Amino acid sequence: MEGQGSRGQRVRLSITARRVRIEPSKKRRSYIRRLERVMKTCDAIVADPETPEDVKVKALAVLIRAVKVCYEIVTDVEVEQIEEKAEEIRRALEERRRRGQEPPQG
């Protein structure tokens, strides 16, 4: 493909197509395993009687989203976002528990 540049210069563009092997089923299996780990984490948070209600609600929302994504076409971005949110909830819960176990300062 040829065209004219801004100063009358000739510009040549060459595009070469390569064959790329994409294995969506392999990627999907990986995503499903990752989502299963997220669901297991969220399920444990929800099942724990010591988990505060507001944290349970957040964990349930992530759990529902993970299940929904399992039935849709999964992309790596969605899985990463769900993992990040679940990890955020887990860390917040650990922090709450740690604060609750600390002796009062004063």
PDB file of N, CA and C in Angstrom:
ATOM      1  N   MET A   1       0.858  -1.153   0.000  1.00  0.00           N
ATOM      2  CA  MET A   1       0.000   0.000   0.000  1.00  0.00           C
ATOM      3  C   MET A   1       0.913   1.227   0.000  1.00  0.00           C
ATOM      4  N   GLU A   2       0.637   2.145  -0.851  1.00  0.00           N
ATOM      5  CA  GLU A   2       1.452   3.352  -0.936  1.00  0.00           C
ATOM      6  C   GLU A   2       0.577   4.581  -0.810  1.00  0.00           C
ATOM      7  N   GLY A   3       1.168   5.661  -0.331  1.00  0.00           N
ATOM      8  CA  GLY A   3       0.452   6.925  -0.218  1.00  0.00           C
ATOM      9  C   GLY A   3       1.457   8.061  -0.241  1.00  0.00           C
ATOM     10  N   GLN A   4       0.954   9.264  -0.231  1.00  0.00           N
ATOM     11  CA  GLN A   4       1.819  10.436  -0.248  1.00  0.00           C
ATOM     12  C   GLN A   4       1.957  10.991   1.165  1.00  0.00           C
ATOM     13  N   GLY A   5       3.177  11.310   1.581  1.00  0.00           N
ATOM     14  CA  GLY A   5       3.437  11.918   2.878  1.00  0.00           C
ATOM     15  C   GLY A   5       3.093  13.397   2.828  1.00  0.00           C
ATOM     16  N   SER A   6       3.307  14.097   3.919  1.00  0.00           N
ATOM     17  CA  SER A   6       2.945  15.508   4.005  1.00  0.00           C
ATOM     18  C   SER A   6       3.831  16.400   3.136  1.00  0.00           C
ATOM     19  N   ARG A   7       5.038  15.983   2.775  1.00  0.00           N
ATOM     20  CA  ARG A   7       5.950  16.810   1.975  1.00  0.00           C
ATOM     21  C   ARG A   7       6.196  16.194   0.599  1.00  0.00           C
ATOM     22  N   GLY A   8       5.238  15.475   0.145  1.00  0.00           N
ATOM     23  CA  GLY A   8       5.399  14.849  -1.159  1.00  0.00           C
ATOM     24  C   GLY A   8       6.257  13.593  -1.108  1.00  0.00           C
ATOM     25  N   GLN A   9       6.577  13.134   0.085  1.00  0.00           N
ATOM     26  CA  GLN A   9       7.368  11.914   0.218  1.00  0.00           C
ATOM     27  C   GLN A   9       6.463  10.716   0.034  1.00  0.00           C
ATOM     28  N   ARG A  10       7.011   9.686  -0.537  1.00  0.00           N
ATOM     29  CA  ARG A  10       6.256   8.463  -0.749  1.00  0.00           C
ATOM     30  C   ARG A  10       6.375   7.584   0.497  1.00  0.00           C
ATOM     31  N   VAL A  11       5.249   7.107   0.992  1.00  0.00           N
ATOM     32  CA  VAL A  11       5.210   6.256   2.173  1.00  0.00           C
ATOM     33  C   VAL A  11       4.700   4.882   1.759  1.00  0.00           C
ATOM     34  N   ARG A  12       5.386   3.847   2.207  1.00  0.00           N
ATOM     35  CA  ARG A  12       4.979   2.483   1.866  1.00  0.00           C
ATOM     36  C   ARG A  12       4.657   1.743   3.162  1.00  0.00           C
ATOM     37  N   LEU A  13       3.509   1.101   3.201  1.00  0.00           N
ATOM     38  CA  LEU A  13       3.074   0.331   4.357  1.00  0.00           C
ATOM     39  C   LEU A  13       2.900  -1.106   3.917  1.00  0.00           C
ATOM     40  N   SER A  14       3.513  -1.985   4.649  1.00  0.00           N
ATOM     41  CA  SER A  14       3.416  -3.401   4.339  1.00  0.00           C
ATOM     42  C   SER A  14       2.902  -4.136   5.570  1.00  0.00           C
ATOM     43  N   ILE A  15       1.868  -4.938   5.395  1.00  0.00           N
ATOM     44  CA  ILE A  15       1.279  -5.702   6.494  1.00  0.00           C
ATOM     45  C   ILE A  15       1.396  -7.177   6.163  1.00  0.00           C
ATOM     46  N   THR A  16       1.940  -7.915   7.113  1.00  0.00           N
ATOM     47  CA  THR A  16       2.071  -9.355   6.936  1.00  0.00           C
ATOM     48  C   THR A  16       1.239 -10.046   8.006  1.00  0.00           C
ATOM     49  N   ALA A  17       0.331 -10.889   7.594  1.00  0.00           N
ATOM     50  CA  ALA A  17      -0.512 -11.615   8.540  1.00  0.00           C
ATOM     51  C   ALA A  17       0.211 -12.877   8.994  1.00  0.00           C
ATOM     52  N   ARG A  18       0.166 -13.138  10.296  1.00  0.00           N
ATOM     53  CA  ARG A  18       0.753 -14.359  10.829  1.00  0.00           C
ATOM     54  C   ARG A  18      -0.367 -15.235  11.368  1.00  0.00           C
ATOM     55  N   ARG A  19      -0.114 -16.498  11.358  1.00  0.00           N
ATOM     56  CA  ARG A  19      -1.076 -17.424  11.967  1.00  0.00           C
ATOM     57  C   ARG A  19      -0.792 -17.484  13.456  1.00  0.00           C
ATOM     58  N   VAL A  20      -1.821 -17.321  14.233  1.00  0.00           N
ATOM     59  CA  VAL A  20      -1.701 -17.381  15.678  1.00  0.00           C
ATOM     60  C   VAL A  20      -2.654 -18.448  16.175  1.00  0.00           C
ATOM     61  N   ARG A  21      -2.142 -19.316  17.015  1.00  0.00           N
ATOM     62  CA  ARG A  21      -2.994 -20.377  17.559  1.00  0.00           C
ATOM     63  C   ARG A  21      -3.540 -19.916  18.910  1.00  0.00           C
ATOM     64  N   ILE A  22      -4.826 -19.803  18.963  1.00  0.00           N
ATOM     65  CA  ILE A  22      -5.497 -19.411  20.202  1.00  0.00           C
ATOM     66  C   ILE A  22      -6.266 -20.626  20.703  1.00  0.00           C
ATOM     67  N   GLU A  23      -6.106 -20.913  21.986  1.00  0.00           N
ATOM     68  CA  GLU A  23      -6.799 -22.058  22.575  1.00  0.00           C
ATOM     69  C   GLU A  23      -7.777 -21.564  23.642  1.00  0.00           C
ATOM     70  N   PRO A  24      -8.967 -21.128  23.202  1.00  0.00           N
ATOM     71  CA  PRO A  24      -9.915 -20.561  24.170  1.00  0.00           C
ATOM     72  C   PRO A  24     -10.357 -21.544  25.247  1.00  0.00           C
ATOM     73  N   SER A  25     -10.462 -22.820  24.919  1.00  0.00           N
ATOM     74  CA  SER A  25     -10.920 -23.767  25.931  1.00  0.00           C
ATOM     75  C   SER A  25      -9.900 -23.892  27.058  1.00  0.00           C
ATOM     76  N   LYS A  26      -8.627 -23.818  26.737  1.00  0.00           N
ATOM     77  CA  LYS A  26      -7.571 -23.888  27.743  1.00  0.00           C
ATOM     78  C   LYS A  26      -7.642 -22.653  28.654  1.00  0.00           C
ATOM     79  N   LYS A  27      -7.810 -21.476  28.044  1.00  0.00           N
ATOM     80  CA  LYS A  27      -7.930 -20.241  28.819  1.00  0.00           C
ATOM     81  C   LYS A  27      -9.180 -20.280  29.692  1.00  0.00           C
ATOM     82  N   ARG A  28     -10.282 -20.753  29.117  1.00  0.00           N
ATOM     83  CA  ARG A  28     -11.533 -20.820  29.867  1.00  0.00           C
ATOM     84  C   ARG A  28     -11.393 -21.703  31.105  1.00  0.00           C
ATOM     85  N   ARG A  29     -10.715 -22.842  30.949  1.00  0.00           N
ATOM     86  CA  ARG A  29     -10.517 -23.740  32.097  1.00  0.00           C
ATOM     87  C   ARG A  29      -9.734 -23.019  33.198  1.00  0.00           C
ATOM     88  N   SER A  30      -8.732 -22.259  32.784  1.00  0.00           N
ATOM     89  CA  SER A  30      -7.937 -21.494  33.751  1.00  0.00           C
ATOM     90  C   SER A  30      -8.815 -20.465  34.465  1.00  0.00           C
ATOM     91  N   TYR A  31      -9.641 -19.754  33.712  1.00  0.00           N
ATOM     92  CA  TYR A  31     -10.535 -18.756  34.306  1.00  0.00           C
ATOM     93  C   TYR A  31     -11.514 -19.405  35.278  1.00  0.00           C
ATOM     94  N   ILE A  32     -12.051 -20.549  34.886  1.00  0.00           N
ATOM     95  CA  ILE A  32     -13.021 -21.237  35.745  1.00  0.00           C
ATOM     96  C   ILE A  32     -12.357 -21.660  37.054  1.00  0.00           C
ATOM     97  N   ARG A  33     -11.127 -22.184  36.987  1.00  0.00           N
ATOM     98  CA  ARG A  33     -10.410 -22.567  38.213  1.00  0.00           C
ATOM     99  C   ARG A  33     -10.213 -21.345  39.116  1.00  0.00           C
ATOM    100  N   ARG A  34      -9.844 -20.229  38.507  1.00  0.00           N
ATOM    101  CA  ARG A  34      -9.654 -19.005  39.284  1.00  0.00           C
ATOM    102  C   ARG A  34     -10.959 -18.563  39.937  1.00  0.00           C
ATOM    103  N   LEU A  35     -12.039 -18.623  39.171  1.00  0.00           N
ATOM    104  CA  LEU A  35     -13.339 -18.234  39.716  1.00  0.00           C
ATOM    105  C   LEU A  35     -13.796 -19.189  40.818  1.00  0.00           C
ATOM    106  N   GLU A  36     -13.489 -20.472  40.672  1.00  0.00           N
ATOM    107  CA  GLU A  36     -13.838 -21.438  41.711  1.00  0.00           C
ATOM    108  C   GLU A  36     -13.122 -21.108  43.022  1.00  0.00           C
ATOM    109  N   ARG A  37     -11.862 -20.667  42.937  1.00  0.00           N
ATOM    110  CA  ARG A  37     -11.129 -20.264  44.145  1.00  0.00           C
ATOM    111  C   ARG A  37     -11.803 -19.045  44.792  1.00  0.00           C
ATOM    112  N   VAL A  38     -12.202 -18.087  43.961  1.00  0.00           N
ATOM    113  CA  VAL A  38     -12.895 -16.897  44.474  1.00  0.00           C
ATOM    114  C   VAL A  38     -14.202 -17.306  45.151  1.00  0.00           C
ATOM    115  N   MET A  39     -14.965 -18.186  44.506  1.00  0.00           N
ATOM    116  CA  MET A  39     -16.245 -18.611  45.068  1.00  0.00           C
ATOM    117  C   MET A  39     -16.043 -19.329  46.402  1.00  0.00           C
ATOM    118  N   LYS A  40     -15.002 -20.148  46.490  1.00  0.00           N
ATOM    119  CA  LYS A  40     -14.713 -20.869  47.731  1.00  0.00           C
ATOM    120  C   LYS A  40     -14.376 -19.878  48.850  1.00  0.00           C
ATOM    121  N   THR A  41     -13.567 -18.873  48.531  1.00  0.00           N
ATOM    122  CA  THR A  41     -13.201 -17.847  49.514  1.00  0.00           C
ATOM    123  C   THR A  41     -14.433 -17.095  49.991  1.00  0.00           C
ATOM    124  N   CYS A  42     -15.247 -16.643  49.045  1.00  0.00           N
ATOM    125  CA  CYS A  42     -16.457 -15.884  49.402  1.00  0.00           C
ATOM    126  C   CYS A  42     -17.442 -16.741  50.184  1.00  0.00           C
ATOM    127  N   ASP A  43     -17.567 -18.006  49.807  1.00  0.00           N
ATOM    128  CA  ASP A  43     -18.472 -18.911  50.506  1.00  0.00           C
ATOM    129  C   ASP A  43     -18.037 -19.073  51.956  1.00  0.00           C
ATOM    130  N   ALA A  44     -16.732 -19.194  52.180  1.00  0.00           N
ATOM    131  CA  ALA A  44     -16.224 -19.333  53.547  1.00  0.00           C
ATOM    132  C   ALA A  44     -16.500 -18.066  54.358  1.00  0.00           C
ATOM    133  N   ILE A  45     -16.351 -16.909  53.734  1.00  0.00           N
ATOM    134  CA  ILE A  45     -16.625 -15.637  54.421  1.00  0.00           C
ATOM    135  C   ILE A  45     -18.096 -15.552  54.808  1.00  0.00           C
ATOM    136  N   VAL A  46     -18.978 -15.936  53.887  1.00  0.00           N
ATOM    137  CA  VAL A  46     -20.422 -15.875  54.142  1.00  0.00           C
ATOM    138  C   VAL A  46     -20.829 -16.889  55.212  1.00  0.00           C
ATOM    139  N   ALA A  47     -20.226 -18.071  55.191  1.00  0.00           N
ATOM    140  CA  ALA A  47     -20.593 -19.136  56.133  1.00  0.00           C
ATOM    141  C   ALA A  47     -20.071 -18.897  57.547  1.00  0.00           C
ATOM    142  N   ASP A  48     -19.068 -18.062  57.697  1.00  0.00           N
ATOM    143  CA  ASP A  48     -18.469 -17.803  59.010  1.00  0.00           C
ATOM    144  C   ASP A  48     -19.438 -16.975  59.856  1.00  0.00           C
ATOM    145  N   PRO A  49     -19.892 -17.508  60.988  1.00  0.00           N
ATOM    146  CA  PRO A  49     -20.853 -16.774  61.821  1.00  0.00           C
ATOM    147  C   PRO A  49     -20.273 -15.491  62.428  1.00  0.00           C
ATOM    148  N   GLU A  50     -18.965 -15.367  62.447  1.00  0.00           N
ATOM    149  CA  GLU A  50     -18.341 -14.168  63.015  1.00  0.00           C
ATOM    150  C   GLU A  50     -18.172 -13.044  61.997  1.00  0.00           C
ATOM    151  N   THR A  51     -18.474 -13.329  60.725  1.00  0.00           N
ATOM    152  CA  THR A  51     -18.344 -12.298  59.693  1.00  0.00           C
ATOM    153  C   THR A  51     -19.456 -11.267  59.858  1.00  0.00           C
ATOM    154  N   PRO A  52     -19.102  -9.987  59.918  1.00  0.00           N
ATOM    155  CA  PRO A  52     -20.134  -8.941  60.013  1.00  0.00           C
ATOM    156  C   PRO A  52     -21.061  -8.966  58.781  1.00  0.00           C
ATOM    157  N   GLU A  53     -22.306  -8.566  59.002  1.00  0.00           N
ATOM    158  CA  GLU A  53     -23.317  -8.623  57.944  1.00  0.00           C
ATOM    159  C   GLU A  53     -22.927  -7.827  56.701  1.00  0.00           C
ATOM    160  N   ASP A  54     -22.352  -6.633  56.879  1.00  0.00           N
ATOM    161  CA  ASP A  54     -22.003  -5.824  55.710  1.00  0.00           C
ATOM    162  C   ASP A  54     -20.932  -6.499  54.855  1.00  0.00           C
ATOM    163  N   VAL A  55     -20.017  -7.227  55.495  1.00  0.00           N
ATOM    164  CA  VAL A  55     -18.982  -7.959  54.751  1.00  0.00           C
ATOM    165  C   VAL A  55     -19.613  -9.163  54.046  1.00  0.00           C
ATOM    166  N   LYS A  56     -20.561  -9.813  54.715  1.00  0.00           N
ATOM    167  CA  LYS A  56     -21.254 -10.949  54.090  1.00  0.00           C
ATOM    168  C   LYS A  56     -21.981 -10.507  52.816  1.00  0.00           C
ATOM    169  N   VAL A  57     -22.621  -9.349  52.878  1.00  0.00           N
ATOM    170  CA  VAL A  57     -23.352  -8.830  51.715  1.00  0.00           C
ATOM    171  C   VAL A  57     -22.377  -8.594  50.554  1.00  0.00           C
ATOM    172  N   LYS A  58     -21.221  -8.001  50.849  1.00  0.00           N
ATOM    173  CA  LYS A  58     -20.224  -7.764  49.801  1.00  0.00           C
ATOM    174  C   LYS A  58     -19.703  -9.081  49.230  1.00  0.00           C
ATOM    175  N   ALA A  59     -19.430 -10.043  50.105  1.00  0.00           N
ATOM    176  CA  ALA A  59     -18.939 -11.344  49.646  1.00  0.00           C
ATOM    177  C   ALA A  59     -19.996 -12.056  48.796  1.00  0.00           C
ATOM    178  N   LEU A  60     -21.268 -11.943  49.195  1.00  0.00           N
ATOM    179  CA  LEU A  60     -22.350 -12.541  48.399  1.00  0.00           C
ATOM    180  C   LEU A  60     -22.444 -11.903  47.018  1.00  0.00           C
ATOM    181  N   ALA A  61     -22.251 -10.597  46.957  1.00  0.00           N
ATOM    182  CA  ALA A  61     -22.297  -9.902  45.663  1.00  0.00           C
ATOM    183  C   ALA A  61     -21.189 -10.413  44.745  1.00  0.00           C
ATOM    184  N   VAL A  62     -19.994 -10.596  45.295  1.00  0.00           N
ATOM    185  CA  VAL A  62     -18.882 -11.118  44.498  1.00  0.00           C
ATOM    186  C   VAL A  62     -19.166 -12.567  44.097  1.00  0.00           C
ATOM    187  N   LEU A  63     -19.700 -13.345  45.007  1.00  0.00           N
ATOM    188  CA  LEU A  63     -20.032 -14.743  44.724  1.00  0.00           C
ATOM    189  C   LEU A  63     -21.052 -14.852  43.595  1.00  0.00           C
ATOM    190  N   ILE A  64     -22.092 -14.043  43.655  1.00  0.00           N
ATOM    191  CA  ILE A  64     -23.117 -14.043  42.602  1.00  0.00           C
ATOM    192  C   ILE A  64     -22.514 -13.632  41.259  1.00  0.00           C
ATOM    193  N   ARG A  65     -21.675 -12.600  41.290  1.00  0.00           N
ATOM    194  CA  ARG A  65     -21.027 -12.149  40.051  1.00  0.00           C
ATOM    195  C   ARG A  65     -20.129 -13.239  39.467  1.00  0.00           C
ATOM    196  N   ALA A  66     -19.398 -13.936  40.333  1.00  0.00           N
ATOM    197  CA  ALA A  66     -18.508 -15.000  39.869  1.00  0.00           C
ATOM    198  C   ALA A  66     -19.307 -16.133  39.215  1.00  0.00           C
ATOM    199  N   VAL A  67     -20.408 -16.511  39.825  1.00  0.00           N
ATOM    200  CA  VAL A  67     -21.259 -17.567  39.254  1.00  0.00           C
ATOM    201  C   VAL A  67     -21.802 -17.121  37.899  1.00  0.00           C
ATOM    202  N   LYS A  68     -22.259 -15.879  37.837  1.00  0.00           N
ATOM    203  CA  LYS A  68     -22.802 -15.346  36.584  1.00  0.00           C
ATOM    204  C   LYS A  68     -21.740 -15.356  35.483  1.00  0.00           C
ATOM    205  N   VAL A  69     -20.535 -14.929  35.828  1.00  0.00           N
ATOM    206  CA  VAL A  69     -19.452 -14.876  34.845  1.00  0.00           C
ATOM    207  C   VAL A  69     -19.094 -16.280  34.353  1.00  0.00           C
ATOM    208  N   CYS A  70     -19.220 -17.270  35.226  1.00  0.00           N
ATOM    209  CA  CYS A  70     -18.935 -18.652  34.826  1.00  0.00           C
ATOM    210  C   CYS A  70     -19.837 -19.100  33.672  1.00  0.00           C
ATOM    211  N   TYR A  71     -21.032 -18.557  33.627  1.00  0.00           N
ATOM    212  CA  TYR A  71     -21.980 -18.949  32.594  1.00  0.00           C
ATOM    213  C   TYR A  71     -21.914 -18.062  31.359  1.00  0.00           C
ATOM    214  N   GLU A  72     -21.126 -17.033  31.398  1.00  0.00           N
ATOM    215  CA  GLU A  72     -20.976 -16.141  30.252  1.00  0.00           C
ATOM    216  C   GLU A  72     -19.620 -16.379  29.606  1.00  0.00           C
ATOM    217  N   ILE A  73     -19.372 -15.707  28.532  1.00  0.00           N
ATOM    218  CA  ILE A  73     -18.048 -15.756  27.930  1.00  0.00           C
ATOM    219  C   ILE A  73     -17.129 -14.969  28.848  1.00  0.00           C
ATOM    220  N   VAL A  74     -16.091 -15.618  29.300  1.00  0.00           N
ATOM    221  CA  VAL A  74     -15.219 -15.055  30.312  1.00  0.00           C
ATOM    222  C   VAL A  74     -14.024 -14.371  29.665  1.00  0.00           C
ATOM    223  N   THR A  75     -13.688 -13.205  30.178  1.00  0.00           N
ATOM    224  CA  THR A  75     -12.468 -12.545  29.740  1.00  0.00           C
ATOM    225  C   THR A  75     -11.543 -12.401  30.938  1.00  0.00           C
ATOM    226  N   ASP A  76     -10.268 -12.290  30.677  1.00  0.00           N
ATOM    227  CA  ASP A  76      -9.304 -12.186  31.761  1.00  0.00           C
ATOM    228  C   ASP A  76      -9.528 -10.954  32.622  1.00  0.00           C
ATOM    229  N   VAL A  77      -9.989  -9.871  32.030  1.00  0.00           N
ATOM    230  CA  VAL A  77     -10.222  -8.641  32.784  1.00  0.00           C
ATOM    231  C   VAL A  77     -11.317  -8.864  33.823  1.00  0.00           C
ATOM    232  N   GLU A  78     -12.392  -9.531  33.435  1.00  0.00           N
ATOM    233  CA  GLU A  78     -13.478  -9.790  34.381  1.00  0.00           C
ATOM    234  C   GLU A  78     -12.996 -10.642  35.549  1.00  0.00           C
ATOM    235  N   VAL A  79     -12.235 -11.679  35.231  1.00  0.00           N
ATOM    236  CA  VAL A  79     -11.732 -12.570  36.278  1.00  0.00           C
ATOM    237  C   VAL A  79     -10.816 -11.798  37.229  1.00  0.00           C
ATOM    238  N   GLU A  80      -9.939 -10.986  36.671  1.00  0.00           N
ATOM    239  CA  GLU A  80      -9.022 -10.211  37.502  1.00  0.00           C
ATOM    240  C   GLU A  80      -9.773  -9.226  38.394  1.00  0.00           C
ATOM    241  N   GLN A  81     -10.815  -8.598  37.870  1.00  0.00           N
ATOM    242  CA  GLN A  81     -11.604  -7.662  38.665  1.00  0.00           C
ATOM    243  C   GLN A  81     -12.311  -8.378  39.811  1.00  0.00           C
ATOM    244  N   ILE A  82     -12.853  -9.544  39.526  1.00  0.00           N
ATOM    245  CA  ILE A  82     -13.551 -10.316  40.550  1.00  0.00           C
ATOM    246  C   ILE A  82     -12.562 -10.787  41.609  1.00  0.00           C
ATOM    247  N   GLU A  83     -11.399 -11.284  41.177  1.00  0.00           N
ATOM    248  CA  GLU A  83     -10.378 -11.718  42.130  1.00  0.00           C
ATOM    249  C   GLU A  83      -9.932 -10.557  43.025  1.00  0.00           C
ATOM    250  N   GLU A  84      -9.742  -9.405  42.411  1.00  0.00           N
ATOM    251  CA  GLU A  84      -9.300  -8.221  43.148  1.00  0.00           C
ATOM    252  C   GLU A  84     -10.330  -7.821  44.207  1.00  0.00           C
ATOM    253  N   LYS A  85     -11.601  -7.830  43.829  1.00  0.00           N
ATOM    254  CA  LYS A  85     -12.669  -7.455  44.761  1.00  0.00           C
ATOM    255  C   LYS A  85     -12.758  -8.460  45.912  1.00  0.00           C
ATOM    256  N   ALA A  86     -12.668  -9.748  45.609  1.00  0.00           N
ATOM    257  CA  ALA A  86     -12.721 -10.778  46.650  1.00  0.00           C
ATOM    258  C   ALA A  86     -11.533 -10.645  47.603  1.00  0.00           C
ATOM    259  N   GLU A  87     -10.362 -10.374  47.064  1.00  0.00           N
ATOM    260  CA  GLU A  87      -9.168 -10.197  47.887  1.00  0.00           C
ATOM    261  C   GLU A  87      -9.308  -8.956  48.772  1.00  0.00           C
ATOM    262  N   GLU A  88      -9.876  -7.915  48.225  1.00  0.00           N
ATOM    263  CA  GLU A  88     -10.116  -6.680  48.973  1.00  0.00           C
ATOM    264  C   GLU A  88     -11.029  -6.959  50.172  1.00  0.00           C
ATOM    265  N   ILE A  89     -12.082  -7.728  49.948  1.00  0.00           N
ATOM    266  CA  ILE A  89     -13.016  -8.075  51.014  1.00  0.00           C
ATOM    267  C   ILE A  89     -12.319  -8.935  52.069  1.00  0.00           C
ATOM    268  N   ARG A  90     -11.535  -9.911  51.620  1.00  0.00           N
ATOM    269  CA  ARG A  90     -10.823 -10.802  52.545  1.00  0.00           C
ATOM    270  C   ARG A  90      -9.856 -10.007  53.430  1.00  0.00           C
ATOM    271  N   ARG A  91      -9.103  -9.082  52.804  1.00  0.00           N
ATOM    272  CA  ARG A  91      -8.139  -8.264  53.556  1.00  0.00           C
ATOM    273  C   ARG A  91      -8.856  -7.361  54.572  1.00  0.00           C
ATOM    274  N   ALA A  92      -9.966  -6.765  54.159  1.00  0.00           N
ATOM    275  CA  ALA A  92     -10.729  -5.894  55.057  1.00  0.00           C
ATOM    276  C   ALA A  92     -11.247  -6.681  56.252  1.00  0.00           C
ATOM    277  N   LEU A  93     -11.712  -7.892  56.006  1.00  0.00           N
ATOM    278  CA  LEU A  93     -12.210  -8.736  57.091  1.00  0.00           C
ATOM    279  C   LEU A  93     -11.072  -9.098  58.049  1.00  0.00           C
ATOM    280  N   GLU A  94      -9.915  -9.469  57.502  1.00  0.00           N
ATOM    281  CA  GLU A  94      -8.765  -9.785  58.348  1.00  0.00           C
ATOM    282  C   GLU A  94      -8.369  -8.587  59.197  1.00  0.00           C
ATOM    283  N   GLU A  95      -8.378  -7.414  58.591  1.00  0.00           N
ATOM    284  CA  GLU A  95      -8.023  -6.190  59.307  1.00  0.00           C
ATOM    285  C   GLU A  95      -9.017  -5.933  60.439  1.00  0.00           C
ATOM    286  N   ARG A  96     -10.309  -6.109  60.174  1.00  0.00           N
ATOM    287  CA  ARG A  96     -11.329  -5.928  61.213  1.00  0.00           C
ATOM    288  C   ARG A  96     -11.112  -6.889  62.369  1.00  0.00           C
ATOM    289  N   ARG A  97     -10.835  -8.136  62.016  1.00  0.00           N
ATOM    290  CA  ARG A  97     -10.628  -9.146  63.055  1.00  0.00           C
ATOM    291  C   ARG A  97      -9.378  -8.838  63.869  1.00  0.00           C
ATOM    292  N   ARG A  98      -8.335  -8.387  63.198  1.00  0.00           N
ATOM    293  CA  ARG A  98      -7.094  -8.057  63.878  1.00  0.00           C
ATOM    294  C   ARG A  98      -7.326  -6.895  64.858  1.00  0.00           C
ATOM    295  N   ARG A  99      -8.065  -5.884  64.423  1.00  0.00           N
ATOM    296  CA  ARG A  99      -8.371  -4.745  65.273  1.00  0.00           C
ATOM    297  C   ARG A  99      -9.229  -5.174  66.464  1.00  0.00           C
ATOM    298  N   GLY A 100     -10.128  -6.118  66.222  1.00  0.00           N
ATOM    299  CA  GLY A 100     -11.000  -6.595  67.287  1.00  0.00           C
ATOM    300  C   GLY A 100     -10.257  -7.401  68.336  1.00  0.00           C
ATOM    301  N   GLN A 101      -9.119  -7.967  67.976  1.00  0.00           N
ATOM    302  CA  GLN A 101      -8.346  -8.783  68.903  1.00  0.00           C
ATOM    303  C   GLN A 101      -7.275  -7.983  69.631  1.00  0.00           C
ATOM    304  N   GLU A 102      -7.033  -6.759  69.198  1.00  0.00           N
ATOM    305  CA  GLU A 102      -6.015  -5.928  69.835  1.00  0.00           C
ATOM    306  C   GLU A 102      -6.557  -5.420  71.171  1.00  0.00           C
ATOM    307  N   PRO A 103      -5.691  -5.380  72.176  1.00  0.00           N
ATOM    308  CA  PRO A 103      -6.147  -4.831  73.469  1.00  0.00           C
ATOM    309  C   PRO A 103      -6.409  -3.332  73.331  1.00  0.00           C
ATOM    310  N   PRO A 104      -7.382  -2.815  74.065  1.00  0.00           N
ATOM    311  CA  PRO A 104      -7.685  -1.372  73.983  1.00  0.00           C
ATOM    312  C   PRO A 104      -6.471  -0.548  74.376  1.00  0.00           C
ATOM    313  N   GLN A 105      -6.252   0.522  73.631  1.00  0.00           N
ATOM    314  CA  GLN A 105      -5.120   1.388  73.919  1.00  0.00           C
ATOM    315  C   GLN A 105      -5.587   2.544  74.792  1.00  0.00           C
ATOM    316  N   GLY A 106      -4.747   2.949  75.688  1.00  0.00           N
ATOM    317  CA  GLY A 106      -5.180   4.095  76.469  1.00  0.00           C
ATOM    318  C   GLY A 106      -4.390   4.321  77.655  1.00  0.00           C
TER     319      GLY A 106
END
